[in-house]
C-alpha atoms as a PDB file:
ATOM      1  CA  MET A   1      -6.666  10.117 -26.863  1.00  0.00           C
ATOM      2  CA  LYS A   2      -8.950  10.677 -23.899  1.00  0.00           C
ATOM      3  CA  LYS A   3      -6.539   8.792 -21.644  1.00  0.00           C
ATOM      4  CA  LEU A   4      -3.688  11.030 -22.789  1.00  0.00           C
ATOM      5  CA  ALA A   5      -5.724  14.167 -21.997  1.00  0.00           C
ATOM      6  CA  ILE A   6      -6.488  12.878 -18.496  1.00  0.00           C
ATOM      7  CA  ILE A   7      -2.833  12.028 -17.854  1.00  0.00           C
ATOM      8  CA  ALA A   8      -1.723  15.442 -19.134  1.00  0.00           C
ATOM      9  CA  THR A   9      -4.273  17.187 -16.899  1.00  0.00           C
ATOM     10  CA  ILE A  10      -3.090  15.254 -13.853  1.00  0.00           C
ATOM     11  CA  CYS A  11       0.564  16.062 -14.625  1.00  0.00           C
ATOM     12  CA  ILE A  12      -0.211  19.767 -15.017  1.00  0.00           C
ATOM     13  CA  ALA A  13      -2.132  19.786 -11.719  1.00  0.00           C
ATOM     14  CA  ILE A  14       0.767  18.114  -9.913  1.00  0.00           C
ATOM     15  CA  LEU A  15       3.250  20.612 -11.347  1.00  0.00           C
ATOM     16  CA  ALA A  16       0.999  23.518 -10.359  1.00  0.00           C
ATOM     17  CA  MET A  17       0.812  22.267  -6.780  1.00  0.00           C
ATOM     18  CA  ALA A  18       4.578  21.749  -6.629  1.00  0.00           C
ATOM     19  CA  ALA A  19       5.346  25.458  -7.079  1.00  0.00           C
ATOM     20  CA  PRO A  20       3.737  27.242  -4.106  1.00  0.00           C
ATOM     21  CA  HIS A  21       5.898  30.365  -4.269  1.00  0.00           C
ATOM     22  CA  ALA A  22       7.071  31.642  -7.632  1.00  0.00           C
ATOM     23  CA  ALA A  23       8.663  34.772  -6.056  1.00  0.00           C
ATOM     24  CA  GLY A  24       7.355  37.192  -8.667  1.00  0.00           C
ATOM     25  CA  GLN A  25       9.418  35.631 -11.470  1.00  0.00           C
ATOM     26  CA  GLY A  26      12.553  37.053  -9.869  1.00  0.00           C
ATOM     27  CA  CYS A  27      11.787  40.722 -10.569  1.00  0.00           C
ATOM     28  CA  ALA A  28      13.378  42.626  -7.689  1.00  0.00           C
ATOM     29  CA  MET A  29      11.178  45.683  -8.109  1.00  0.00           C
ATOM     30  CA  CYS A  30       7.980  43.598  -8.197  1.00  0.00           C
ATOM     31  CA  TYR A  31       9.085  41.682  -5.121  1.00  0.00           C
ATOM     32  CA  GLN A  32       9.882  44.862  -3.162  1.00  0.00           C
ATOM     33  CA  ASN A  33       6.555  46.481  -4.077  1.00  0.00           C
ATOM     34  CA  ALA A  34       4.589  43.363  -3.129  1.00  0.00           C
ATOM     35  CA  ALA A  35       6.475  42.953   0.148  1.00  0.00           C
ATOM     36  CA  ALA A  36       5.934  46.605   1.104  1.00  0.00           C
ATOM     37  CA  SER A  37       2.211  46.613   0.297  1.00  0.00           C
ATOM     38  CA  GLY A  38       1.106  44.907   3.507  1.00  0.00           C
ATOM     39  CA  ALA A  39      -1.288  42.028   4.046  1.00  0.00           C
ATOM     40  CA  LYS A  40      -4.260  43.540   2.209  1.00  0.00           C
ATOM     41  CA  GLY A  41      -2.127  44.533  -0.748  1.00  0.00           C
ATOM     42  CA  GLN A  42      -0.634  41.059  -1.005  1.00  0.00           C
ATOM     43  CA  GLU A  43      -4.093  39.523  -0.875  1.00  0.00           C
ATOM     44  CA  ALA A  44      -5.251  41.869  -3.628  1.00  0.00           C
ATOM     45  CA  LEU A  45      -2.269  40.870  -5.772  1.00  0.00           C
ATOM     46  CA  ARG A  46      -3.048  37.178  -5.290  1.00  0.00           C
ATOM     47  CA  HIS A  47      -6.683  37.720  -6.271  1.00  0.00           C
ATOM     48  CA  GLY A  48      -5.650  39.813  -9.265  1.00  0.00           C
ATOM     49  CA  ILE A  49      -3.306  37.111 -10.504  1.00  0.00           C
ATOM     50  CA  MET A  50      -6.044  34.489 -10.210  1.00  0.00           C
ATOM     51  CA  ILE A  51      -8.539  36.726 -12.031  1.00  0.00           C
ATOM     52  CA  LEU A  52      -6.071  37.296 -14.874  1.00  0.00           C
ATOM     53  CA  LEU A  53      -5.397  33.560 -15.049  1.00  0.00           C
ATOM     54  CA  ILE A  54      -9.031  32.687 -15.824  1.00  0.00           C
ATOM     55  CA  PRO A  55      -9.193  34.118 -19.391  1.00  0.00           C
ATOM     56  CA  ALA A  56      -5.821  32.595 -20.289  1.00  0.00           C
ATOM     57  CA  LEU A  57      -6.912  29.148 -19.091  1.00  0.00           C
ATOM     58  CA  ALA A  58     -10.272  29.488 -20.866  1.00  0.00           C
ATOM     59  CA  LEU A  59      -8.529  30.351 -24.124  1.00  0.00           C
ATOM     60  CA  PHE A  60      -6.083  27.466 -23.725  1.00  0.00           C
ATOM     61  CA  GLY A  61      -8.922  25.074 -22.896  1.00  0.00           C
ATOM     62  CA  GLY A  62     -10.906  26.245 -25.921  1.00  0.00           C
ATOM     63  CA  ILE A  63      -7.982  25.642 -28.247  1.00  0.00           C
ATOM     64  CA  VAL A  64      -7.359  22.181 -26.787  1.00  0.00           C
ATOM     65  CA  ALA A  65     -11.076  21.334 -27.088  1.00  0.00           C
ATOM     66  CA  ALA A  66     -11.161  22.517 -30.717  1.00  0.00           C
ATOM     67  CA  ILE A  67      -8.125  20.393 -31.578  1.00  0.00           C
ATOM     68  CA  TYR A  68      -9.615  17.402 -29.774  1.00  0.00           C
ATOM     69  CA  ARG A  69     -12.960  17.771 -31.577  1.00  0.00           C
ATOM     70  CA  ARG A  70     -11.269  18.224 -34.947  1.00  0.00           C
ATOM     71  CA  ASP A  71      -9.173  15.081 -34.455  1.00  0.00           C
ATOM     72  CA  ASN A  72     -12.138  12.986 -33.319  1.00  0.00           C
ATOM     73  CA  PHE A  73     -14.560  14.107 -36.055  1.00  0.00           C
ATOM     74  CA  SER A  74     -12.102  13.738 -38.928  1.00  0.00           C
ATOM     75  CA  GLN A  75     -11.955   9.941 -38.547  1.00  0.00           C
END
């Protein structure tokens, strides 16, 4: 089970590195606003996205850890 978790983590990391530019999920209005905001505005958007990603990843990691612990302690 631990090997599977390591392989899954490596695969997710590779996929994350393979998508450098997501282009705002294709929303034309979002793209235009981000492009018109200038360098500082674009940097602020990048930081904001990363800050909003932290709680989502923490929640996902907590759920995965709870499932892993439940599976290992039930044996």
